[in-house]
Structure formats: C-alpha cells, structure tokens
Protein backbone atom coordinates (compact mmCIF):
# COMPACT_ATOMS: atom_id res chain seq x y z
CA VAL A 1 3.58 1.57 -20.53
CA GLN A 2 7.11 0.18 -20.42
CA LEU A 3 8.04 -3.09 -18.73
CA GLN A 4 11.46 -4.19 -17.52
CA ALA A 5 11.84 -7.84 -16.62
CA SER A 6 14.72 -9.20 -14.57
CA GLY A 7 15.76 -12.11 -12.38
CA GLY A 8 16.42 -14.88 -14.84
CA GLY A 9 19.48 -17.07 -14.71
CA LEU A 10 20.90 -20.56 -14.53
CA VAL A 11 19.75 -22.83 -11.73
CA GLN A 12 19.90 -26.53 -10.97
CA ALA A 13 16.77 -28.64 -10.99
CA GLY A 14 14.90 -28.23 -7.73
CA GLY A 15 16.17 -24.71 -7.25
CA SER A 16 14.33 -21.42 -7.12
CA LEU A 17 14.31 -18.09 -8.92
CA ARG A 18 12.26 -14.95 -8.56
CA LEU A 19 11.46 -12.90 -11.63
CA SER A 20 10.52 -9.24 -11.38
CA CYS A 21 8.71 -6.99 -13.81
CA ALA A 22 8.83 -3.24 -13.19
CA ALA A 23 6.31 -1.08 -14.99
CA SER A 24 6.69 2.60 -15.82
CA GLY A 25 4.74 5.15 -17.78
CA TYR A 26 0.93 5.13 -17.66
CA THR A 27 0.83 2.40 -15.05
CA PHE A 28 -2.57 3.56 -13.78
CA THR A 29 -4.06 2.11 -16.97
CA ILE A 30 -2.88 -1.43 -16.19
CA SER A 31 -5.57 -3.93 -15.23
CA ASP A 32 -4.30 -7.48 -15.72
CA ILE A 33 -0.69 -8.62 -15.42
CA GLY A 34 1.08 -11.87 -16.03
CA TRP A 35 3.98 -13.95 -17.20
CA TYR A 36 4.39 -15.93 -20.39
CA ARG A 37 7.25 -18.17 -21.44
CA GLN A 38 8.58 -19.50 -24.70
CA ALA A 39 10.85 -22.49 -24.99
CA PRO A 40 12.89 -23.15 -28.15
CA GLY A 41 10.68 -24.52 -30.90
CA LYS A 42 7.51 -24.04 -28.88
CA GLN A 43 4.71 -21.50 -28.81
CA ARG A 44 4.57 -18.83 -26.17
CA GLU A 45 2.39 -19.99 -23.29
CA LEU A 46 0.75 -18.30 -20.33
CA VAL A 47 2.42 -19.24 -17.06
CA ALA A 48 0.56 -17.15 -14.49
CA ALA A 49 -1.66 -14.09 -14.31
CA ILE A 50 -3.38 -11.77 -11.87
CA LEU A 51 -6.63 -10.35 -13.16
CA SER A 52 -7.95 -6.94 -12.23
CA GLY A 53 -10.28 -8.40 -9.60
CA GLY A 54 -7.35 -10.02 -7.86
CA SER A 55 -7.90 -13.59 -8.96
CA THR A 56 -4.91 -15.61 -10.11
CA SER A 57 -4.51 -18.18 -12.83
CA TYR A 58 -1.72 -20.69 -13.40
CA ALA A 59 -0.74 -23.12 -16.10
CA GLY A 60 -1.28 -26.66 -14.93
CA SER A 61 2.40 -27.47 -15.32
CA VAL A 62 3.45 -24.85 -12.75
CA LYS A 63 0.56 -24.96 -10.30
CA GLY A 64 1.84 -25.53 -6.79
CA ARG A 65 5.40 -24.57 -7.72
CA PHE A 66 5.11 -21.01 -9.02
CA ALA A 67 3.46 -18.02 -7.36
CA ILE A 68 2.61 -14.69 -8.93
CA SER A 69 2.32 -11.56 -6.85
CA ARG A 70 1.92 -7.84 -7.40
CA ASP A 71 3.13 -4.81 -5.50
CA ASN A 72 0.98 -1.92 -6.69
CA ALA A 73 2.95 0.64 -4.69
CA LYS A 74 6.10 -0.28 -6.62
CA ASN A 75 4.34 -0.97 -9.95
CA THR A 76 6.13 -4.28 -9.92
CA TRP A 77 5.03 -7.87 -10.12
CA TYR A 78 6.88 -11.04 -9.41
CA LEU A 79 6.99 -14.69 -10.30
CA GLN A 80 8.40 -16.87 -7.55
CA MET A 81 9.49 -20.14 -9.10
CA ASN A 82 10.24 -23.06 -6.80
CA GLY A 83 10.99 -26.67 -7.58
CA LEU A 84 12.29 -25.76 -11.01
CA LYS A 85 12.51 -28.48 -13.62
CA PRO A 86 14.52 -28.65 -16.86
CA GLU A 87 11.25 -28.31 -18.77
CA ASP A 88 10.79 -24.86 -17.22
CA THR A 89 13.73 -23.65 -19.32
CA ALA A 90 12.48 -20.81 -21.49
CA VAL A 91 12.53 -17.09 -22.06
CA TYR A 92 10.04 -15.56 -19.65
CA TYR A 93 8.11 -12.45 -20.65
CA CYS A 94 5.98 -10.23 -18.46
CA ILE A 95 2.84 -8.73 -19.87
CA ALA A 96 0.46 -5.97 -18.86
CA LEU A 97 -3.05 -5.48 -20.19
CA THR A 98 -4.69 -2.09 -19.90
CA ARG A 99 -8.38 -1.47 -19.34
CA SER A 100 -8.69 -0.76 -23.05
CA ARG A 101 -7.14 -4.22 -23.68
CA ASN A 102 -3.85 -2.98 -25.07
CA ALA A 103 -1.02 -5.41 -24.35
CA TYR A 104 2.51 -4.42 -23.40
CA TRP A 105 5.42 -6.85 -23.18
CA GLY A 106 8.68 -6.85 -21.30
CA GLN A 107 11.90 -7.73 -23.08
CA GLY A 108 12.16 -11.30 -21.81
CA THR A 109 14.52 -12.90 -19.33
CA GLN A 110 16.18 -16.28 -19.84
CA VAL A 111 15.61 -19.03 -17.30
CA THR A 112 17.75 -22.14 -17.71
CA VAL A 113 17.30 -25.16 -15.45
CA SER A 114 20.02 -27.79 -15.57
CA SER A 115 19.37 -31.41 -14.70
C-alpha cells in the first residue's frame, strides 16, 4: 500500500484547508484510516480516524472543527479542517491500517496557520 498526501499550505487563523490522501496498491486490504500530525518538538498525535465499521474518532482539540471522510471508490480519504488555529500548525500524515494490522504512512504535508 502506498499513500500520497496533499493539500497542505499556509493559511490565516480561522481559515480552512482540505487534506487528501490517495491510496494505491493493495488497497483492498485497508481497514482503518486516519490522520496524525506532528508539531515541532512534540510527539506525533492522532487527529482523526475512520474505523472499519465506519465509526469516527477525533482528538479533543479538533472536535467540531475537523471532519474526516472517505471515498472508497477513489481510494482516497480527506481531512476537512475549518476554524484553523496557530496551534494546528504541524506536518500532517495520513495512515492506513490493514486487516492484518500493518501500518502504512503517507509522506506528510505541512500545514502552517498564521495568527
């Protein structure tokens, strides 16, 4: 499984961005998908996820502002980020978990929110 993340950029506080993660390869093995982020000097943290049963999970800091979605026909998932804050500045990584619990990571896309 290969993942290609895109959509990052520079935005002012309060603005919006939509990240995309396109999967290729053995995509039929993917069960759970999600987004992590890592800010400078901080540990990587889970931002949002969609589990195989369709349930979603969000970090408390983004709940109500971010929305994760998945387009199975396109093997792509998205992270719609609204109401961005400077503390959302980080490199965002998409992740896919297969049924055998192997994890695959995208290359990361930089999101910078200016105040």
